[in-house]
Amino acid sequence: MFSHLQDTQKDVHFTPHGVINLVKRLLGSILVALMMLHASAAQAESPQVTVMTRNLYLGADVGVAMDLIPNLSAAAQFMWDQVKATDFNLRAPKLAAEVIAARPDVIGIQEATIWFCKKNAWSKRTEVFNFTDQFLAATKAQGQEYVLASKGGKTAINTGYSIAAIPYVTMVNDPETFQPLFGEDKAACGFEIADALAIRADLANKVLAVGNTEYEATYTIVPTIMTIYRGYSWADIQIGNTPVRFVTTHLESLWDENKVPNAAKQAQQLITDLKNTKNPIVIMGDFNSDPRDPRISDDPNAGGQPTASGTCPGGSSLCNAYLLMREAGFTDVGPDALDPMNNTWGMNALLTGPDPDRLKYSQQIGNFAGYSDRLDYIFVRNGAFPVSSRLIGAVPPSNLNSDHAGVVSLIAIDSTATERSPDLPEHAPFPISFWQWVGLALAALIVGIIVKKRFR
């Protein structure tokens, strides 16, 4: 700045008029310097927060298991065998190591899964694997404890859907596991998956509010009996002087031809639920939506993403959760979702490498690691601004701790937003319908017949 003033002096003659011009230029230079100092100070005062979205992977291929229905026992055995093969006891420390390296303040977790079993119809369920507890314990063991956000008796974990452990129906054979637990080789097993919001333990006293809610759009696998619920967890956390609203969600992956996918319907509800939030928002999640969806007929679709139809024209945001979020004013923090190198899904169910079909397609589009689709995102709005973003766990096979890669982002927060918006609305699952009661009665009848034949 001072060299500039010296240059200014050389150009000004010390006449009264010249002195006035010099003073004006001096004042202008000082004003510019003060503005720059103010801007630098404001930027320095803006708090920053590091966030991560991470799908832990439930450990088995639900799609293959669904193909085995109505043979529920075969489906249960198939999934249990895969869960044992993708052993979360081995995966949890590796996932925790990613966290320790990235040191996020907040983690949006998807597929926070509990696998449980029952000895018989009268026994309580026994948790065999609890991915959330194991994951958080692994972070603590490695030197940085993370806990679920909680406040006022509420904890930020929302169960999306579950498959019940039904004796004589969802039977699994695993003597190694069940003999110590139940004294038998077999047990009825099921699972539930959830979305959860974890924070560094030292931020626990910064949590202002917590909530969990459901999406109204659900997907039915077996009419009247097996319905998939999805939802989200949220927490308002004080970052500097600013209350920031963090959300973690997992939108539906299943879709029907020529219908608006549930993922798009659920994204629209999330947008509506957040419309009255004025403070900064950070959303982390598996949106099961690629910017290219719905795929046109000549676009390879190894990942089985929604395809174009009369209801869902190619390129339309109507059927694309990602595009709906962008149109609603949310910024995708990156890395660039249109660059195939930044795809986040495509590994095989056993986590031994890329799925062969998806690998062939991913290589055609330029992702040689085998990730065929971008499904995982962090979105921001209302005074939350991306500073930098990167993928983690995206170099198979050494980093195959999940079938998804994760996203980590450094976010700057507008420090002038100091007022917390009202809590988000709560939506509960619809009450059980008449036909669901009929379905449950039918399931009970089937179990009764099986039991009768077993003891005949």
Protein backbone atom coordinates (compact mmCIF):
# COMPACT_ATOMS: atom_id res chain seq x y z
CA MET A 1 0.00 0.00 0.00
CA PHE A 2 2.79 2.44 0.94
CA SER A 3 4.67 1.93 -2.32
CA HIS A 4 1.43 2.84 -4.06
CA LEU A 5 1.30 6.08 -2.03
CA GLN A 6 4.88 6.88 -2.97
CA ASP A 7 4.00 6.44 -6.63
CA THR A 8 0.99 8.67 -6.08
CA GLN A 9 3.18 11.41 -4.58
CA LYS A 10 5.45 11.45 -7.63
CA ASP A 11 2.49 12.19 -9.89
CA VAL A 12 1.11 15.10 -7.83
CA HIS A 13 2.44 18.68 -7.92
CA PHE A 14 2.30 20.42 -4.56
CA THR A 15 -0.11 23.12 -5.59
CA PRO A 16 -3.26 23.67 -3.51
CA HIS A 17 -5.19 21.66 -6.05
CA GLY A 18 -2.51 18.96 -6.02
CA VAL A 19 -2.54 18.75 -2.24
CA ILE A 20 -6.31 18.27 -2.27
CA ASN A 21 -5.96 15.46 -4.80
CA LEU A 22 -3.22 13.89 -2.70
CA VAL A 23 -5.40 13.99 0.41
CA LYS A 24 -8.28 12.45 -1.53
CA ARG A 25 -6.06 9.65 -2.78
CA LEU A 26 -4.63 9.11 0.69
CA LEU A 27 -8.11 8.87 2.16
CA GLY A 28 -9.18 6.53 -0.64
CA SER A 29 -6.19 4.26 -0.08
CA ILE A 30 -6.80 4.21 3.66
CA LEU A 31 -10.47 3.40 3.07
CA VAL A 32 -9.58 0.51 0.76
CA ALA A 33 -7.04 -0.79 3.29
CA LEU A 34 -9.59 -0.60 6.08
CA MET A 35 -12.15 -2.47 3.96
CA MET A 36 -9.61 -5.17 3.18
CA LEU A 37 -8.69 -5.50 6.84
CA HIS A 38 -12.37 -5.69 7.77
CA ALA A 39 -13.00 -8.38 5.15
CA SER A 40 -10.00 -10.37 6.33
CA ALA A 41 -11.11 -10.07 9.93
CA ALA A 42 -14.66 -11.11 9.04
CA GLN A 43 -13.35 -14.13 7.15
CA ALA A 44 -11.11 -15.04 10.06
CA GLU A 45 -14.07 -14.74 12.44
CA SER A 46 -16.31 -16.95 10.29
CA PRO A 47 -16.42 -20.33 12.04
CA GLN A 48 -15.73 -23.47 10.04
CA VAL A 49 -16.98 -27.00 10.51
CA THR A 50 -15.83 -30.26 8.93
CA VAL A 51 -18.56 -32.75 8.06
CA MET A 52 -18.62 -36.27 6.66
CA THR A 53 -21.32 -38.42 5.09
CA ARG A 54 -20.71 -42.16 5.44
CA ASN A 55 -22.84 -45.13 4.47
CA LEU A 56 -21.63 -48.00 6.69
CA TYR A 57 -23.24 -50.66 4.45
CA LEU A 58 -25.57 -53.16 6.09
CA GLY A 59 -23.29 -55.98 4.94
CA ALA A 60 -25.44 -57.93 2.47
CA ASP A 61 -27.14 -57.61 -0.90
CA VAL A 62 -30.82 -56.97 -0.20
CA GLY A 63 -31.64 -57.17 -3.92
CA VAL A 64 -30.55 -60.79 -4.20
CA ALA A 65 -32.36 -61.65 -0.98
CA MET A 66 -35.56 -60.11 -2.33
CA ASP A 67 -35.37 -62.41 -5.35
CA LEU A 68 -35.54 -65.36 -2.93
CA ILE A 69 -38.86 -64.25 -1.45
CA PRO A 70 -41.30 -65.89 -0.61
CA ASN A 71 -38.69 -68.35 0.68
CA LEU A 72 -37.94 -66.14 3.68
CA SER A 73 -35.66 -68.66 5.32
CA ALA A 74 -33.45 -68.84 2.22
CA ALA A 75 -33.38 -65.03 2.04
CA ALA A 76 -32.45 -64.78 5.73
CA GLN A 77 -29.69 -67.39 5.39
CA PHE A 78 -28.27 -65.69 2.30
CA MET A 79 -28.07 -62.31 4.01
CA TRP A 80 -26.63 -63.74 7.22
CA ASP A 81 -23.87 -65.53 5.32
CA GLN A 82 -22.92 -62.30 3.58
CA VAL A 83 -22.96 -60.30 6.82
CA LYS A 84 -20.57 -62.82 8.34
CA ALA A 85 -18.34 -62.58 5.25
CA THR A 86 -18.27 -58.75 5.34
CA ASP A 87 -17.45 -58.92 9.06
CA PHE A 88 -18.13 -55.53 10.64
CA ASN A 89 -15.78 -56.39 13.49
CA LEU A 90 -12.99 -55.98 10.93
CA ARG A 91 -14.56 -53.06 9.07
CA ALA A 92 -15.31 -50.86 12.09
CA PRO A 93 -11.66 -50.05 12.97
CA LYS A 94 -10.92 -49.20 9.33
CA LEU A 95 -13.94 -46.90 9.10
CA ALA A 96 -12.87 -45.31 12.38
CA ALA A 97 -9.35 -44.75 11.00
CA GLU A 98 -10.88 -42.74 8.13
CA VAL A 99 -12.67 -40.59 10.69
CA ILE A 100 -9.56 -40.04 12.79
CA ALA A 101 -7.64 -38.97 9.66
CA ALA A 102 -10.34 -36.55 8.44
CA ARG A 103 -11.34 -35.34 11.95
CA PRO A 104 -14.89 -34.29 11.09
CA ASP A 105 -16.93 -32.41 13.67
CA VAL A 106 -20.18 -34.02 12.50
CA ILE A 107 -20.79 -37.36 10.73
CA GLY A 108 -24.00 -38.22 8.89
CA ILE A 109 -24.28 -42.01 9.09
CA GLN A 110 -26.48 -44.15 6.86
CA GLU A 111 -27.21 -47.87 7.18
CA ALA A 112 -26.48 -47.78 10.88
CA THR A 113 -27.51 -51.42 11.16
CA ILE A 114 -28.47 -53.74 13.98
CA TRP A 115 -28.62 -57.48 13.28
CA PHE A 116 -30.58 -59.37 15.92
CA CYS A 117 -31.79 -62.92 16.53
CA LYS A 118 -34.30 -64.81 18.69
CA LYS A 119 -34.14 -68.33 20.06
CA ASN A 120 -37.90 -68.81 19.90
CA ALA A 121 -41.17 -66.92 19.73
CA TRP A 122 -41.16 -66.15 23.46
CA SER A 123 -37.59 -64.98 23.86
CA LYS A 124 -36.37 -61.41 23.64
CA ARG A 125 -34.28 -60.44 20.65
CA THR A 126 -30.52 -60.51 21.10
CA GLU A 127 -28.30 -58.01 19.29
CA VAL A 128 -25.52 -59.83 17.48
CA PHE A 129 -24.09 -56.86 15.57
CA ASN A 130 -24.71 -53.19 16.34
CA PHE A 131 -22.82 -51.25 13.68
CA THR A 132 -23.35 -47.84 15.29
CA ASP A 133 -22.06 -48.88 18.71
CA GLN A 134 -19.14 -50.76 17.17
CA PHE A 135 -18.22 -47.84 14.91
CA LEU A 136 -18.33 -45.26 17.72
CA ALA A 137 -16.38 -47.55 20.06
CA ALA A 138 -13.71 -47.93 17.38
CA THR A 139 -13.27 -44.14 17.11
CA LYS A 140 -12.81 -43.90 20.87
CA ALA A 141 -10.29 -46.74 20.83
CA GLN A 142 -8.26 -44.82 18.23
CA GLY A 143 -8.07 -41.65 20.28
CA GLN A 144 -11.06 -39.51 19.29
CA GLU A 145 -14.46 -40.30 20.76
CA TYR A 146 -17.63 -39.67 18.77
CA VAL A 147 -21.13 -39.88 20.23
CA LEU A 148 -24.65 -39.62 18.86
CA ALA A 149 -26.06 -36.10 19.10
CA SER A 150 -28.66 -35.93 21.88
CA LYS A 151 -30.67 -33.29 23.69
CA GLY A 152 -33.78 -33.25 25.84
CA GLY A 153 -34.09 -37.01 25.95
CA LYS A 154 -33.91 -37.36 22.15
CA THR A 155 -31.07 -39.04 20.29
CA ALA A 156 -30.32 -38.43 16.61
CA ILE A 157 -30.93 -41.93 15.29
CA ASN A 158 -33.94 -42.82 13.17
CA THR A 159 -34.77 -46.40 12.19
CA GLY A 160 -35.64 -46.57 8.51
CA TYR A 161 -36.97 -50.08 8.17
CA SER A 162 -36.59 -53.49 9.68
CA ILE A 163 -37.08 -57.13 8.84
CA ALA A 164 -38.43 -58.96 11.85
CA ALA A 165 -36.94 -62.10 13.34
CA ILE A 166 -39.81 -64.57 12.86
CA PRO A 167 -39.29 -67.98 14.49
CA TYR A 168 -39.58 -70.92 12.04
CA VAL A 169 -39.69 -68.46 9.11
CA THR A 170 -36.50 -66.34 9.02
CA MET A 171 -34.34 -69.15 10.35
CA VAL A 172 -30.55 -69.01 10.08
CA ASN A 173 -28.04 -71.79 10.67
CA ASP A 174 -24.81 -70.62 12.35
CA PRO A 175 -23.58 -72.94 15.14
CA GLU A 176 -20.46 -70.86 15.77
CA THR A 177 -22.54 -67.80 16.65
CA PHE A 178 -25.71 -69.30 18.12
CA GLN A 179 -24.37 -72.10 20.33
CA PRO A 180 -22.76 -69.61 22.78
CA LEU A 181 -25.84 -67.37 22.67
CA PHE A 182 -28.73 -69.81 22.58
CA GLY A 183 -27.29 -73.31 22.98
CA GLU A 184 -28.62 -74.20 19.51
CA ASP A 185 -27.34 -74.18 15.94
CA LYS A 186 -30.24 -72.14 14.55
CA ALA A 187 -32.08 -68.94 15.39
CA ALA A 188 -34.56 -66.57 13.77
CA CYS A 189 -32.79 -63.41 12.65
CA GLY A 190 -33.64 -59.99 11.27
CA PHE A 191 -32.21 -56.50 11.00
CA GLU A 192 -33.01 -52.82 11.14
CA ILE A 193 -31.18 -49.96 9.50
CA ALA A 194 -31.14 -46.34 10.60
CA ASP A 195 -29.80 -42.87 9.92
CA ALA A 196 -27.70 -41.39 12.71
CA LEU A 197 -25.91 -38.15 13.47
CA ALA A 198 -22.59 -38.49 15.31
CA ILE A 199 -20.50 -35.64 16.68
CA ARG A 200 -17.13 -35.31 18.36
CA ALA A 201 -17.65 -35.92 22.06
CA ASP A 202 -16.28 -32.48 22.96
CA LEU A 203 -19.14 -30.89 20.98
CA ALA A 204 -21.86 -32.67 22.98
CA ASN A 205 -22.59 -29.55 25.03
CA LYS A 206 -23.09 -27.53 21.83
CA VAL A 207 -26.20 -29.48 20.78
CA LEU A 208 -29.28 -27.22 20.97
CA ALA A 209 -32.03 -29.53 19.69
CA VAL A 210 -32.49 -33.00 18.16
CA GLY A 211 -35.26 -34.63 16.17
CA ASN A 212 -36.16 -37.66 14.05
CA THR A 213 -38.88 -37.91 11.45
CA GLU A 214 -40.29 -40.14 8.71
CA TYR A 215 -40.96 -39.68 5.02
CA GLU A 216 -44.55 -40.20 4.00
CA ALA A 217 -43.57 -42.00 0.77
CA THR A 218 -42.85 -45.66 1.52
CA TYR A 219 -42.02 -48.69 -0.62
CA THR A 220 -43.76 -52.03 -0.23
CA ILE A 221 -41.81 -55.19 -0.97
CA VAL A 222 -44.43 -57.74 0.06
CA PRO A 223 -47.96 -56.26 -0.07
CA THR A 224 -49.45 -55.62 3.37
CA ILE A 225 -46.52 -57.26 5.18
CA MET A 226 -43.11 -55.78 4.35
CA THR A 227 -42.92 -51.98 3.95
CA ILE A 228 -39.70 -49.93 3.77
CA TYR A 229 -39.79 -46.72 5.77
CA ARG A 230 -37.22 -43.96 5.32
CA GLY A 231 -36.65 -40.77 7.25
CA TYR A 232 -33.98 -38.47 8.63
CA SER A 233 -32.33 -37.32 11.83
CA TRP A 234 -31.42 -33.72 12.54
CA ALA A 235 -29.65 -31.67 15.18
CA ASP A 236 -29.07 -27.97 15.73
CA ILE A 237 -25.50 -27.46 16.91
CA GLN A 238 -23.82 -24.22 17.99
CA ILE A 239 -20.87 -23.48 15.69
CA GLY A 240 -19.23 -20.31 16.98
CA ASN A 241 -22.20 -18.05 17.71
CA THR A 242 -24.33 -19.62 14.99
CA PRO A 243 -26.88 -22.42 15.35
CA VAL A 244 -26.36 -24.74 12.37
CA ARG A 245 -28.98 -27.33 11.36
CA PHE A 246 -27.41 -30.68 10.43
CA VAL A 247 -29.46 -33.40 8.72
CA THR A 248 -28.58 -36.99 7.81
CA THR A 249 -30.81 -39.05 5.52
CA HIS A 250 -30.99 -42.10 3.26
CA LEU A 251 -33.50 -41.92 0.42
CA GLU A 252 -35.16 -44.95 -1.14
CA SER A 253 -33.17 -46.97 -3.67
CA LEU A 254 -36.07 -49.07 -5.03
CA TRP A 255 -38.23 -47.67 -7.80
CA ASP A 256 -40.99 -48.75 -10.18
CA GLU A 257 -41.04 -48.20 -13.93
CA ASN A 258 -43.04 -45.21 -15.16
CA LYS A 259 -43.55 -43.90 -11.62
CA VAL A 260 -41.92 -41.06 -9.74
CA PRO A 261 -39.23 -42.73 -7.57
CA ASN A 262 -39.73 -42.52 -3.82
CA ALA A 263 -36.29 -40.91 -3.56
CA ALA A 264 -37.63 -37.89 -5.46
CA LYS A 265 -40.80 -37.76 -3.35
CA GLN A 266 -38.76 -37.97 -0.17
CA ALA A 267 -36.37 -35.25 -1.32
CA GLN A 268 -39.36 -33.01 -2.01
CA GLN A 269 -40.66 -33.60 1.52
CA LEU A 270 -37.24 -32.81 2.97
CA ILE A 271 -37.18 -29.55 1.01
CA THR A 272 -40.67 -28.70 2.30
CA ASP A 273 -39.77 -29.56 5.88
CA LEU A 274 -36.75 -27.23 5.70
CA LYS A 275 -38.49 -24.30 3.98
CA ASN A 276 -38.92 -22.33 7.23
CA THR A 277 -35.34 -22.89 8.44
CA LYS A 278 -33.46 -19.59 8.26
CA ASN A 279 -30.20 -20.55 9.94
CA PRO A 280 -27.42 -22.37 8.03
CA ILE A 281 -28.25 -25.92 6.87
CA VAL A 282 -25.90 -28.84 6.19
CA ILE A 283 -27.44 -32.05 4.78
CA MET A 284 -25.47 -35.29 4.53
CA GLY A 285 -26.79 -38.41 2.92
CA ASP A 286 -27.14 -41.25 0.48
CA PHE A 287 -29.68 -39.78 -1.92
CA ASN A 288 -29.78 -42.78 -4.29
CA SER A 289 -29.86 -40.27 -7.13
CA ASP A 290 -27.29 -39.56 -9.83
CA PRO A 291 -27.39 -36.26 -11.77
CA ARG A 292 -27.96 -38.32 -14.97
CA ASP A 293 -31.18 -39.94 -13.73
CA PRO A 294 -33.62 -40.96 -15.08
CA ARG A 295 -31.39 -42.70 -17.64
CA ILE A 296 -32.31 -42.57 -21.28
CA SER A 297 -32.40 -45.82 -23.25
CA ASP A 298 -28.95 -45.51 -24.85
CA ASP A 299 -27.20 -44.60 -21.57
CA PRO A 300 -25.70 -47.70 -19.92
CA ASN A 301 -27.23 -48.31 -16.52
CA ALA A 302 -25.25 -51.01 -14.76
CA GLY A 303 -26.32 -49.69 -11.37
CA GLY A 304 -30.03 -50.15 -12.04
CA GLN A 305 -30.90 -46.48 -11.59
CA PRO A 306 -34.37 -45.10 -12.59
CA THR A 307 -34.97 -45.05 -16.34
CA ALA A 308 -36.74 -42.46 -18.46
CA SER A 309 -40.44 -42.92 -19.18
CA GLY A 310 -43.56 -40.94 -19.96
CA THR A 311 -43.88 -40.05 -16.30
CA CYS A 312 -40.15 -39.44 -15.87
CA PRO A 313 -38.64 -37.86 -19.00
CA GLY A 314 -34.86 -37.93 -19.29
CA GLY A 315 -33.26 -34.90 -17.69
CA SER A 316 -36.38 -34.00 -15.71
CA SER A 317 -35.95 -32.97 -12.09
CA LEU A 318 -39.39 -34.36 -11.28
CA CYS A 319 -37.88 -37.82 -10.83
CA ASN A 320 -34.39 -36.85 -9.63
CA ALA A 321 -33.75 -36.16 -5.95
CA TYR A 322 -30.37 -34.56 -6.66
CA LEU A 323 -31.77 -32.06 -9.17
CA LEU A 324 -34.69 -31.25 -6.86
CA MET A 325 -32.23 -30.31 -4.11
CA ARG A 326 -30.27 -28.09 -6.47
CA GLU A 327 -33.42 -26.37 -7.78
CA ALA A 328 -34.46 -25.70 -4.18
CA GLY A 329 -31.36 -23.59 -3.68
CA PHE A 330 -29.08 -26.13 -2.02
CA THR A 331 -25.43 -26.13 -3.05
CA ASP A 332 -23.68 -29.43 -3.68
CA VAL A 333 -20.35 -28.95 -1.88
CA GLY A 334 -18.62 -31.31 -4.32
CA PRO A 335 -16.44 -32.76 -5.52
CA ASP A 336 -18.05 -32.26 -8.94
CA ALA A 337 -20.93 -34.72 -9.24
CA LEU A 338 -20.75 -34.67 -13.04
CA ASP A 339 -17.17 -35.94 -13.08
CA PRO A 340 -17.23 -39.78 -13.21
CA MET A 341 -14.06 -39.83 -11.12
CA ASN A 342 -16.21 -38.64 -8.21
CA ASN A 343 -18.74 -41.49 -8.33
CA THR A 344 -19.35 -43.07 -4.93
CA TRP A 345 -21.06 -46.44 -5.46
CA GLY A 346 -20.42 -49.64 -7.39
CA MET A 347 -18.58 -52.19 -5.25
CA ASN A 348 -19.77 -55.78 -4.93
CA ALA A 349 -21.77 -57.06 -1.98
CA LEU A 350 -18.86 -58.99 -0.45
CA LEU A 351 -16.52 -55.97 -0.58
CA THR A 352 -13.85 -57.87 -2.49
CA GLY A 353 -13.78 -55.34 -5.35
CA PRO A 354 -15.98 -53.73 -8.00
CA ASP A 355 -19.10 -55.46 -9.25
CA PRO A 356 -18.06 -56.89 -12.67
CA ASP A 357 -20.94 -55.34 -14.62
CA ARG A 358 -20.55 -51.96 -12.94
CA LEU A 359 -16.77 -52.07 -13.42
CA LYS A 360 -17.14 -52.51 -17.18
CA TYR A 361 -19.50 -49.54 -17.36
CA SER A 362 -17.50 -47.34 -14.97
CA GLN A 363 -14.35 -47.83 -17.03
CA GLN A 364 -16.23 -46.74 -20.15
CA ILE A 365 -17.15 -43.43 -18.50
CA GLY A 366 -13.70 -42.86 -16.97
CA ASN A 367 -13.89 -44.25 -13.42
CA PHE A 368 -11.32 -47.04 -13.37
CA ALA A 369 -11.90 -47.86 -9.69
CA GLY A 370 -15.30 -49.36 -10.51
CA TYR A 371 -17.67 -46.74 -9.09
CA SER A 372 -20.54 -46.45 -11.57
CA ASP A 373 -22.85 -43.89 -9.91
CA ARG A 374 -22.75 -40.81 -7.70
CA LEU A 375 -25.22 -41.28 -4.85
CA ASP A 376 -23.65 -39.63 -1.78
CA TYR A 377 -23.72 -35.87 -1.20
CA ILE A 378 -23.39 -33.00 1.19
CA PHE A 379 -25.72 -30.04 0.53
CA VAL A 380 -25.60 -26.59 2.14
CA ARG A 381 -27.80 -23.48 2.20
CA ASN A 382 -28.59 -20.34 4.21
CA GLY A 383 -25.12 -19.08 5.03
CA ALA A 384 -23.20 -22.36 4.91
CA PHE A 385 -20.50 -22.23 2.20
CA PRO A 386 -18.22 -25.00 0.91
CA VAL A 387 -14.49 -24.39 1.33
CA SER A 388 -13.11 -27.75 0.18
CA SER A 389 -14.41 -31.28 -0.40
CA ARG A 390 -13.00 -34.72 -1.17
CA LEU A 391 -13.95 -38.38 -1.32
CA ILE A 392 -12.76 -40.96 1.19
CA GLY A 393 -12.66 -44.74 0.94
CA ALA A 394 -12.71 -44.57 -2.85
CA VAL A 395 -9.62 -46.63 -3.70
CA PRO A 396 -10.51 -50.33 -3.84
CA PRO A 397 -9.64 -52.87 -2.73
CA SER A 398 -7.47 -51.46 0.08
CA ASN A 399 -10.17 -49.05 1.26
CA LEU A 400 -13.18 -51.31 0.83
CA ASN A 401 -14.76 -50.74 4.23
CA SER A 402 -18.17 -50.10 2.64
CA ASP A 403 -19.81 -50.46 -0.76
CA HIS A 404 -19.96 -46.64 -0.85
CA ALA A 405 -17.27 -44.01 -0.82
CA GLY A 406 -17.82 -41.13 1.59
CA VAL A 407 -17.61 -37.37 1.25
CA VAL A 408 -15.76 -34.99 3.61
CA SER A 409 -16.18 -31.23 3.38
CA LEU A 410 -14.94 -28.13 5.17
CA ILE A 411 -17.82 -25.67 5.51
CA ALA A 412 -17.66 -21.97 6.39
CA ILE A 413 -20.54 -20.60 8.45
CA ASP A 414 -22.04 -17.12 8.30
CA SER A 415 -21.34 -15.77 11.78
CA THR A 416 -24.10 -13.15 11.57
CA ALA A 417 -26.87 -15.77 11.67
CA THR A 418 -27.43 -16.12 15.41
CA GLU A 419 -31.13 -16.96 15.70
CA ARG A 420 -32.29 -20.59 15.75
CA SER A 421 -35.28 -21.52 13.60
CA PRO A 422 -38.19 -23.57 15.00
CA ASP A 423 -37.80 -27.35 15.22
CA LEU A 424 -38.53 -29.38 12.10
CA PRO A 425 -41.96 -31.01 11.82
CA GLU A 426 -42.31 -34.56 13.05
CA HIS A 427 -43.91 -37.17 10.80
CA ALA A 428 -44.76 -40.58 12.21
CA PRO A 429 -45.37 -43.71 10.11
CA PHE A 430 -48.97 -44.03 9.07
CA PRO A 431 -51.07 -46.13 11.47
CA ILE A 432 -51.36 -49.75 10.49
CA SER A 433 -54.06 -50.21 7.87
CA PHE A 434 -56.80 -52.81 7.59
CA TRP A 435 -54.90 -54.67 4.89
CA GLN A 436 -51.73 -54.65 6.97
CA TRP A 437 -53.67 -56.30 9.76
CA VAL A 438 -54.87 -58.85 7.23
CA GLY A 439 -51.27 -59.41 6.14
CA LEU A 440 -50.07 -59.87 9.71
CA ALA A 441 -52.88 -62.33 10.36
CA LEU A 442 -51.85 -64.25 7.23
CA ALA A 443 -48.23 -64.29 8.37
CA ALA A 444 -49.30 -65.59 11.76
CA LEU A 445 -51.34 -68.31 10.06
CA ILE A 446 -48.34 -69.39 7.99
CA VAL A 447 -46.15 -69.54 11.10
CA GLY A 448 -48.82 -71.60 12.85
CA ILE A 449 -48.94 -74.11 10.01
CA ILE A 450 -45.14 -74.41 9.99
CA VAL A 451 -45.04 -74.93 13.75
CA LYS A 452 -47.81 -77.54 13.56
CA LYS A 453 -45.97 -79.49 10.86
CA ARG A 454 -42.67 -79.20 12.75
CA PHE A 455 -44.09 -80.78 15.88
CA ARG A 456 -46.41 -83.28 14.17
